Amino acid sequence: MEVAERLRWIIESISLDYYGEKVGCTASLGIAILQKGEEEEDLIRRADQMLYRAKENGKNQVAISPQDT
């Protein structure tokens, strides 16, 4: 979670030049940890669900699967 938050903060602090205009950038991240006996497809599905949760909760944030906290 700490690494994801640092990455999100770094992305947020970047200012891009787009045809002479400064443009900000943000990132929403979803985190899930592979559980014992879990298939990779399930891990990806849970991470994807957390990505959408981060976006639904206002974007530019990190969401972690409740079972991974």
Protein backbone atom coordinates (compact mmCIF):
# COMPACT_ATOMS: atom_id res chain seq x y z
CA MET A 1 0.00 0.00 0.00
CA GLU A 2 2.84 2.39 0.86
CA VAL A 3 4.58 1.78 -2.46
CA ALA A 4 1.34 2.29 -4.38
CA GLU A 5 0.67 5.55 -2.52
CA ARG A 6 4.19 6.79 -3.26
CA LEU A 7 3.77 5.91 -6.93
CA ARG A 8 0.39 7.69 -7.03
CA TRP A 9 1.92 10.78 -5.39
CA ILE A 10 4.85 10.82 -7.86
CA ILE A 11 2.47 10.61 -10.81
CA GLU A 12 0.30 13.37 -9.32
CA SER A 13 3.32 15.66 -8.90
CA ILE A 14 4.32 15.40 -12.57
CA SER A 15 3.36 18.27 -14.84
CA LEU A 16 3.34 17.41 -18.53
CA ASP A 17 3.75 19.84 -21.41
CA TYR A 18 1.07 19.19 -24.02
CA TYR A 19 1.43 21.52 -27.01
CA GLY A 20 2.68 24.30 -24.76
CA GLU A 21 0.03 23.79 -22.09
CA LYS A 22 0.79 22.31 -18.65
CA VAL A 23 -1.33 19.24 -17.95
CA GLY A 24 -1.58 17.39 -14.66
CA CYS A 25 -1.76 13.65 -14.30
CA THR A 26 -3.32 11.39 -11.68
CA ALA A 27 -3.55 7.64 -11.10
CA SER A 28 -6.04 5.29 -9.55
CA LEU A 29 -4.60 1.97 -8.41
CA GLY A 30 -6.18 -1.29 -7.33
CA ILE A 31 -4.27 -3.72 -5.11
CA ALA A 32 -4.85 -7.40 -4.45
CA ILE A 33 -2.49 -10.02 -3.05
CA LEU A 34 -2.43 -13.56 -4.38
CA GLN A 35 -3.95 -15.78 -1.71
CA LYS A 36 -2.84 -19.35 -1.06
CA GLY A 37 -4.60 -21.66 -3.52
CA GLU A 38 -6.02 -18.74 -5.52
CA GLU A 39 -5.93 -18.75 -9.31
CA GLU A 40 -4.21 -15.85 -11.10
CA GLU A 41 -7.49 -14.95 -12.83
CA ASP A 42 -9.11 -14.41 -9.42
CA LEU A 43 -6.24 -12.17 -8.36
CA ILE A 44 -6.58 -10.06 -11.51
CA ARG A 45 -10.36 -9.85 -11.05
CA ARG A 46 -9.98 -8.62 -7.45
CA ALA A 47 -7.31 -6.07 -8.42
CA ASP A 48 -9.56 -4.85 -11.23
CA GLN A 49 -12.48 -4.50 -8.79
CA MET A 50 -10.26 -2.40 -6.51
CA LEU A 51 -9.22 -0.21 -9.44
CA TYR A 52 -12.87 0.53 -10.19
CA ARG A 53 -13.53 1.16 -6.48
CA ALA A 54 -10.70 3.71 -6.41
CA LYS A 55 -12.19 5.45 -9.45
CA GLU A 56 -15.73 5.38 -8.03
CA ASN A 57 -14.50 6.91 -4.76
CA GLY A 58 -13.18 10.00 -6.49
CA LYS A 59 -10.17 8.87 -8.52
CA ASN A 60 -6.50 9.59 -7.78
CA GLN A 61 -6.34 7.09 -4.94
CA VAL A 62 -5.36 3.55 -4.02
CA ALA A 63 -7.87 0.86 -3.07
CA ILE A 64 -6.87 -2.49 -1.58
CA SER A 65 -9.01 -5.62 -1.44
CA PRO A 66 -10.50 -5.97 2.08
CA GLN A 67 -9.14 -9.50 2.45
CA ASP A 68 -5.61 -8.17 1.80
CA THR A 69 -5.49 -5.60 4.58
